[in-house]
PDB file of N, CA and C in Angstrom:
ATOM      1  N   MET A   1     104.984  88.474 -77.934  1.00  0.00           N
ATOM      2  CA  MET A   1     104.254  87.682 -78.807  1.00  0.00           C
ATOM      3  C   MET A   1     103.362  89.000 -79.551  1.00  0.00           C
ATOM      4  N   ASN A   2     102.846  88.877 -80.642  1.00  0.00           N
ATOM      5  CA  ASN A   2     102.208  89.330 -81.597  1.00  0.00           C
ATOM      6  C   ASN A   2     100.587  89.345 -81.530  1.00  0.00           C
ATOM      7  N   VAL A   3      99.573  90.522 -81.343  1.00  0.00           N
ATOM      8  CA  VAL A   3      98.449  90.343 -81.710  1.00  0.00           C
ATOM      9  C   VAL A   3      97.805  91.502 -82.681  1.00  0.00           C
ATOM     10  N   LEU A   4      97.136  91.786 -83.708  1.00  0.00           N
ATOM     11  CA  LEU A   4      96.367  92.440 -84.079  1.00  0.00           C
ATOM     12  C   LEU A   4      95.229  93.201 -83.438  1.00  0.00           C
ATOM     13  N   VAL A   5      95.411  94.311 -83.661  1.00  0.00           N
ATOM     14  CA  VAL A   5      94.393  95.478 -83.163  1.00  0.00           C
ATOM     15  C   VAL A   5      93.530  96.307 -84.241  1.00  0.00           C
ATOM     16  N   ASN A   6      92.843  96.075 -84.524  1.00  0.00           N
ATOM     17  CA  ASN A   6      91.966  96.324 -85.547  1.00  0.00           C
ATOM     18  C   ASN A   6      92.857  96.319 -87.238  1.00  0.00           C
ATOM     19  N   GLU A   7      93.719  95.561 -87.218  1.00  0.00           N
ATOM     20  CA  GLU A   7      94.882  95.274 -88.054  1.00  0.00           C
ATOM     21  C   GLU A   7      96.294  95.555 -88.133  1.00  0.00           C
ATOM     22  N   LEU A   8      96.421  96.248 -86.974  1.00  0.00           N
ATOM     23  CA  LEU A   8      97.352  96.618 -86.679  1.00  0.00           C
ATOM     24  C   LEU A   8      97.933  95.838 -85.795  1.00  0.00           C
ATOM     25  N   ARG A   9      99.690  95.575 -86.269  1.00  0.00           N
ATOM     26  CA  ARG A   9     100.243  94.315 -85.438  1.00  0.00           C
ATOM     27  C   ARG A   9     100.954  95.084 -83.772  1.00  0.00           C
ATOM     28  N   VAL A  10     100.429  94.716 -83.108  1.00  0.00           N
ATOM     29  CA  VAL A  10     100.752  95.269 -81.568  1.00  0.00           C
ATOM     30  C   VAL A  10     101.484  94.050 -80.780  1.00  0.00           C
ATOM     31  N   GLU A  11     102.551  94.678 -80.733  1.00  0.00           N
ATOM     32  CA  GLU A  11     103.707  93.781 -79.795  1.00  0.00           C
ATOM     33  C   GLU A  11     102.940  93.975 -78.158  1.00  0.00           C
ATOM     34  N   CYS A  12     103.263  92.815 -77.116  1.00  0.00           N
ATOM     35  CA  CYS A  12     103.167  92.893 -76.066  1.00  0.00           C
ATOM     36  C   CYS A  12     103.193  91.642 -75.346  1.00  0.00           C
ATOM     37  N   GLU A  13     103.864  91.438 -74.137  1.00  0.00           N
ATOM     38  CA  GLU A  13     104.143  89.982 -73.687  1.00  0.00           C
ATOM     39  C   GLU A  13     103.168  89.573 -73.263  1.00  0.00           C
ATOM     40  N   THR A  14     103.676  87.878 -73.242  1.00  0.00           N
ATOM     41  CA  THR A  14     102.839  86.562 -73.204  1.00  0.00           C
ATOM     42  C   THR A  14     101.770  86.776 -71.880  1.00  0.00           C
ATOM     43  N   GLY A  15     100.539  86.424 -72.147  1.00  0.00           N
ATOM     44  CA  GLY A  15      99.701  86.414 -70.614  1.00  0.00           C
ATOM     45  C   GLY A  15      99.193  87.086 -69.995  1.00  0.00           C
ATOM     46  N   LEU A  16      99.099  88.626 -71.066  1.00  0.00           N
ATOM     47  CA  LEU A  16      98.456  89.782 -70.847  1.00  0.00           C
ATOM     48  C   LEU A  16      96.823  89.923 -71.441  1.00  0.00           C
ATOM     49  N   THR A  17      96.192  90.540 -70.776  1.00  0.00           N
ATOM     50  CA  THR A  17      94.882  90.670 -70.441  1.00  0.00           C
ATOM     51  C   THR A  17      94.314  91.335 -71.810  1.00  0.00           C
ATOM     52  N   VAL A  18      93.062  91.552 -72.304  1.00  0.00           N
ATOM     53  CA  VAL A  18      92.122  91.889 -72.880  1.00  0.00           C
ATOM     54  C   VAL A  18      92.229  93.545 -72.479  1.00  0.00           C
ATOM     55  N   ALA A  19      91.758  93.542 -71.011  1.00  0.00           N
ATOM     56  CA  ALA A  19      91.447  94.470 -70.085  1.00  0.00           C
ATOM     57  C   ALA A  19      92.891  95.393 -70.084  1.00  0.00           C
ATOM     58  N   ALA A  20      94.278  94.637 -69.801  1.00  0.00           N
ATOM     59  CA  ALA A  20      95.491  95.046 -69.785  1.00  0.00           C
ATOM     60  C   ALA A  20      96.128  96.115 -70.943  1.00  0.00           C
ATOM     61  N   LEU A  21      95.741  95.070 -72.296  1.00  0.00           N
ATOM     62  CA  LEU A  21      96.136  95.661 -73.014  1.00  0.00           C
ATOM     63  C   LEU A  21      95.348  96.872 -73.857  1.00  0.00           C
ATOM     64  N   LEU A  22      93.757  96.951 -73.754  1.00  0.00           N
ATOM     65  CA  LEU A  22      93.398  98.164 -73.665  1.00  0.00           C
ATOM     66  C   LEU A  22      93.765  99.340 -73.134  1.00  0.00           C
ATOM     67  N   SER A  23      93.555  99.231 -71.828  1.00  0.00           N
ATOM     68  CA  SER A  23      94.283 100.228 -70.623  1.00  0.00           C
ATOM     69  C   SER A  23      95.435 100.634 -71.344  1.00  0.00           C
ATOM     70  N   ARG A  24      96.456  99.637 -71.767  1.00  0.00           N
ATOM     71  CA  ARG A  24      97.650 100.471 -72.417  1.00  0.00           C
ATOM     72  C   ARG A  24      97.590 101.144 -73.576  1.00  0.00           C
ATOM     73  N   LEU A  25      96.723 100.904 -74.483  1.00  0.00           N
ATOM     74  CA  LEU A  25      96.095 101.506 -75.308  1.00  0.00           C
ATOM     75  C   LEU A  25      95.631 102.526 -75.293  1.00  0.00           C
ATOM     76  N   GLU A  26      94.857 103.111 -74.494  1.00  0.00           N
ATOM     77  CA  GLU A  26      93.903 103.968 -74.191  1.00  0.00           C
ATOM     78  C   GLU A  26      92.728 103.486 -74.734  1.00  0.00           C
ATOM     79  N   GLN A  27      92.338 102.595 -74.751  1.00  0.00           N
ATOM     80  CA  GLN A  27      91.275 102.501 -75.440  1.00  0.00           C
ATOM     81  C   GLN A  27      89.440 101.299 -74.508  1.00  0.00           C
ATOM     82  N   ASP A  28      90.227 101.775 -73.287  1.00  0.00           N
ATOM     83  CA  ASP A  28      89.048 101.402 -72.462  1.00  0.00           C
ATOM     84  C   ASP A  28      87.915 101.885 -71.706  1.00  0.00           C
ATOM     85  N   LYS A  29      87.160 102.842 -72.908  1.00  0.00           N
ATOM     86  CA  LYS A  29      86.457 103.894 -72.707  1.00  0.00           C
ATOM     87  C   LYS A  29      85.118 103.083 -72.713  1.00  0.00           C
ATOM     88  N   PRO A  30      84.303 103.971 -72.345  1.00  0.00           N
ATOM     89  CA  PRO A  30      82.632 103.560 -71.956  1.00  0.00           C
ATOM     90  C   PRO A  30      82.186 103.527 -74.002  1.00  0.00           C
ATOM     91  N   GLY A  31      81.265 102.550 -74.324  1.00  0.00           N
ATOM     92  CA  GLY A  31      80.967 102.904 -75.238  1.00  0.00           C
ATOM     93  C   GLY A  31      81.741 101.641 -76.084  1.00  0.00           C
ATOM     94  N   VAL A  32      83.062 101.157 -75.530  1.00  0.00           N
ATOM     95  CA  VAL A  32      83.897 100.026 -76.485  1.00  0.00           C
ATOM     96  C   VAL A  32      83.287  98.944 -76.451  1.00  0.00           C
ATOM     97  N   ALA A  33      83.462  98.330 -77.448  1.00  0.00           N
ATOM     98  CA  ALA A  33      83.211  96.956 -77.394  1.00  0.00           C
ATOM     99  C   ALA A  33      84.338  95.820 -78.372  1.00  0.00           C
ATOM    100  N   LEU A  34      84.459  94.697 -78.331  1.00  0.00           N
ATOM    101  CA  LEU A  34      85.708  94.396 -79.281  1.00  0.00           C
ATOM    102  C   LEU A  34      84.929  92.959 -79.733  1.00  0.00           C
ATOM    103  N   ALA A  35      85.195  92.506 -80.655  1.00  0.00           N
ATOM    104  CA  ALA A  35      85.660  91.277 -81.157  1.00  0.00           C
ATOM    105  C   ALA A  35      86.952  90.732 -81.094  1.00  0.00           C
ATOM    106  N   LEU A  36      87.027  89.328 -80.457  1.00  0.00           N
ATOM    107  CA  LEU A  36      88.362  88.740 -80.472  1.00  0.00           C
ATOM    108  C   LEU A  36      88.298  87.628 -81.156  1.00  0.00           C
ATOM    109  N   ASN A  37      89.153  87.363 -82.547  1.00  0.00           N
ATOM    110  CA  ASN A  37      89.103  86.514 -83.129  1.00  0.00           C
ATOM    111  C   ASN A  37      87.713  86.080 -83.933  1.00  0.00           C
ATOM    112  N   GLN A  38      86.947  87.714 -83.953  1.00  0.00           N
ATOM    113  CA  GLN A  38      85.813  87.182 -85.204  1.00  0.00           C
ATOM    114  C   GLN A  38      84.401  86.864 -83.901  1.00  0.00           C
ATOM    115  N   GLN A  39      84.566  86.792 -82.626  1.00  0.00           N
ATOM    116  CA  GLN A  39      83.779  86.374 -81.811  1.00  0.00           C
ATOM    117  C   GLN A  39      83.584  87.624 -80.716  1.00  0.00           C
ATOM    118  N   ILE A  40      82.367  87.833 -80.764  1.00  0.00           N
ATOM    119  CA  ILE A  40      81.940  89.201 -79.712  1.00  0.00           C
ATOM    120  C   ILE A  40      82.622  88.794 -78.067  1.00  0.00           C
ATOM    121  N   LEU A  41      83.510  89.737 -77.425  1.00  0.00           N
ATOM    122  CA  LEU A  41      83.930  89.455 -76.242  1.00  0.00           C
ATOM    123  C   LEU A  41      83.343  90.153 -75.000  1.00  0.00           C
ATOM    124  N   PRO A  42      82.263  89.999 -74.350  1.00  0.00           N
ATOM    125  CA  PRO A  42      81.752  90.520 -73.396  1.00  0.00           C
ATOM    126  C   PRO A  42      82.830  91.126 -72.290  1.00  0.00           C
ATOM    127  N   ARG A  43      82.721  92.600 -72.164  1.00  0.00           N
ATOM    128  CA  ARG A  43      83.359  93.376 -71.209  1.00  0.00           C
ATOM    129  C   ARG A  43      84.187  92.632 -69.960  1.00  0.00           C
ATOM    130  N   THR A  44      82.688  92.031 -69.319  1.00  0.00           N
ATOM    131  CA  THR A  44      82.922  91.362 -68.230  1.00  0.00           C
ATOM    132  C   THR A  44      83.929  90.155 -68.221  1.00  0.00           C
ATOM    133  N   GLN A  45      84.396  90.035 -69.255  1.00  0.00           N
ATOM    134  CA  GLN A  45      85.505  88.607 -69.671  1.00  0.00           C
ATOM    135  C   GLN A  45      86.655  89.732 -69.917  1.00  0.00           C
ATOM    136  N   TRP A  46      86.857  90.710 -70.197  1.00  0.00           N
ATOM    137  CA  TRP A  46      88.152  91.099 -70.583  1.00  0.00           C
ATOM    138  C   TRP A  46      89.573  91.141 -69.816  1.00  0.00           C
ATOM    139  N   ALA A  47      88.930  91.102 -68.230  1.00  0.00           N
ATOM    140  CA  ALA A  47      90.214  91.547 -66.844  1.00  0.00           C
ATOM    141  C   ALA A  47      90.540  89.689 -67.145  1.00  0.00           C
ATOM    142  N   ASP A  48      89.632  88.763 -67.012  1.00  0.00           N
ATOM    143  CA  ASP A  48      90.283  87.290 -67.265  1.00  0.00           C
ATOM    144  C   ASP A  48      90.676  86.808 -68.602  1.00  0.00           C
ATOM    145  N   HIS A  49      90.779  87.382 -69.806  1.00  0.00           N
ATOM    146  CA  HIS A  49      90.916  86.952 -71.036  1.00  0.00           C
ATOM    147  C   HIS A  49      92.558  86.954 -70.961  1.00  0.00           C
ATOM    148  N   SER A  50      93.277  86.170 -71.037  1.00  0.00           N
ATOM    149  CA  SER A  50      94.561  86.264 -71.610  1.00  0.00           C
ATOM    150  C   SER A  50      94.812  86.222 -72.980  1.00  0.00           C
ATOM    151  N   LEU A  51      95.057  87.043 -73.508  1.00  0.00           N
ATOM    152  CA  LEU A  51      95.531  87.142 -75.111  1.00  0.00           C
ATOM    153  C   LEU A  51      96.494  85.734 -75.427  1.00  0.00           C
ATOM    154  N   GLN A  52      96.687  85.582 -76.724  1.00  0.00           N
ATOM    155  CA  GLN A  52      97.459  84.752 -76.947  1.00  0.00           C
ATOM    156  C   GLN A  52      98.432  84.721 -78.777  1.00  0.00           C
ATOM    157  N   GLU A  53      99.670  84.529 -78.861  1.00  0.00           N
ATOM    158  CA  GLU A  53     100.217  84.810 -80.185  1.00  0.00           C
ATOM    159  C   GLU A  53      99.068  84.840 -81.032  1.00  0.00           C
ATOM    160  N   GLY A  54      99.091  85.949 -82.076  1.00  0.00           N
ATOM    161  CA  GLY A  54      98.201  85.735 -83.198  1.00  0.00           C
ATOM    162  C   GLY A  54      97.028  86.524 -83.059  1.00  0.00           C
ATOM    163  N   ASP A  55      96.245  86.337 -81.970  1.00  0.00           N
ATOM    164  CA  ASP A  55      95.006  86.950 -81.613  1.00  0.00           C
ATOM    165  C   ASP A  55      94.705  88.610 -82.539  1.00  0.00           C
ATOM    166  N   ALA A  56      93.354  88.359 -82.930  1.00  0.00           N
ATOM    167  CA  ALA A  56      92.966  89.732 -83.796  1.00  0.00           C
ATOM    168  C   ALA A  56      91.980  90.242 -82.796  1.00  0.00           C
ATOM    169  N   LEU A  57      92.018  91.291 -82.676  1.00  0.00           N
ATOM    170  CA  LEU A  57      91.070  91.973 -81.921  1.00  0.00           C
ATOM    171  C   LEU A  57      90.381  93.323 -82.637  1.00  0.00           C
ATOM    172  N   LEU A  58      89.255  93.783 -82.752  1.00  0.00           N
ATOM    173  CA  LEU A  58      88.596  94.549 -83.855  1.00  0.00           C
ATOM    174  C   LEU A  58      87.735  94.991 -82.576  1.00  0.00           C
ATOM    175  N   LEU A  59      87.796  96.300 -82.404  1.00  0.00           N
ATOM    176  CA  LEU A  59      87.446  97.630 -81.493  1.00  0.00           C
ATOM    177  C   LEU A  59      86.866  98.384 -82.388  1.00  0.00           C
ATOM    178  N   PHE A  60      85.337  98.292 -81.851  1.00  0.00           N
ATOM    179  CA  PHE A  60      84.373  99.415 -82.141  1.00  0.00           C
ATOM    180  C   PHE A  60      83.361  99.980 -81.410  1.00  0.00           C
ATOM    181  N   GLN A  61      82.816 101.204 -81.825  1.00  0.00           N
ATOM    182  CA  GLN A  61      81.944 102.081 -80.554  1.00  0.00           C
ATOM    183  C   GLN A  61      80.489 101.610 -80.642  1.00  0.00           C
ATOM    184  N   VAL A  62      80.060 101.372 -79.617  1.00  0.00           N
ATOM    185  CA  VAL A  62      78.703 100.609 -79.711  1.00  0.00           C
ATOM    186  C   VAL A  62      77.782 101.892 -79.942  1.00  0.00           C
ATOM    187  N   ILE A  63      76.892 102.205 -80.946  1.00  0.00           N
ATOM    188  CA  ILE A  63      75.761 103.449 -81.101  1.00  0.00           C
ATOM    189  C   ILE A  63      74.367 102.683 -81.274  1.00  0.00           C
ATOM    190  N   ALA A  64      73.968 103.758 -80.328  1.00  0.00           N
ATOM    191  CA  ALA A  64      72.657 103.277 -79.911  1.00  0.00           C
ATOM    192  C   ALA A  64      71.370 103.497 -80.932  1.00  0.00           C
ATOM    193  N   GLY A  65      70.312 103.160 -81.291  1.00  0.00           N
ATOM    194  CA  GLY A  65      69.515 103.288 -82.568  1.00  0.00           C
ATOM    195  C   GLY A  65      68.606 102.692 -82.502  1.00  0.00           C
ATOM    196  N   GLY A  66      67.930 102.971 -83.498  1.00  0.00           N
ATOM    197  CA  GLY A  66      66.652 102.491 -83.952  1.00  0.00           C
ATOM    198  C   GLY A  66      66.006 102.857 -85.391  1.00  0.00           C
TER     199      GLY A  66
END
């Protein structure tokens, strides 16, 4: 199955969770947030959310400011 991560195609097996993919890509660092198909997905849901063919993930670094 194919998903997009920051507009790059990534091939992975069916049923892979968001958390497993980010771990595999070494992107499961503190301060990383993501949008899945243009919707913010809370970190608490990463381990339970299975990816689907064509899903698009946008990873970004959370920055505190004011």
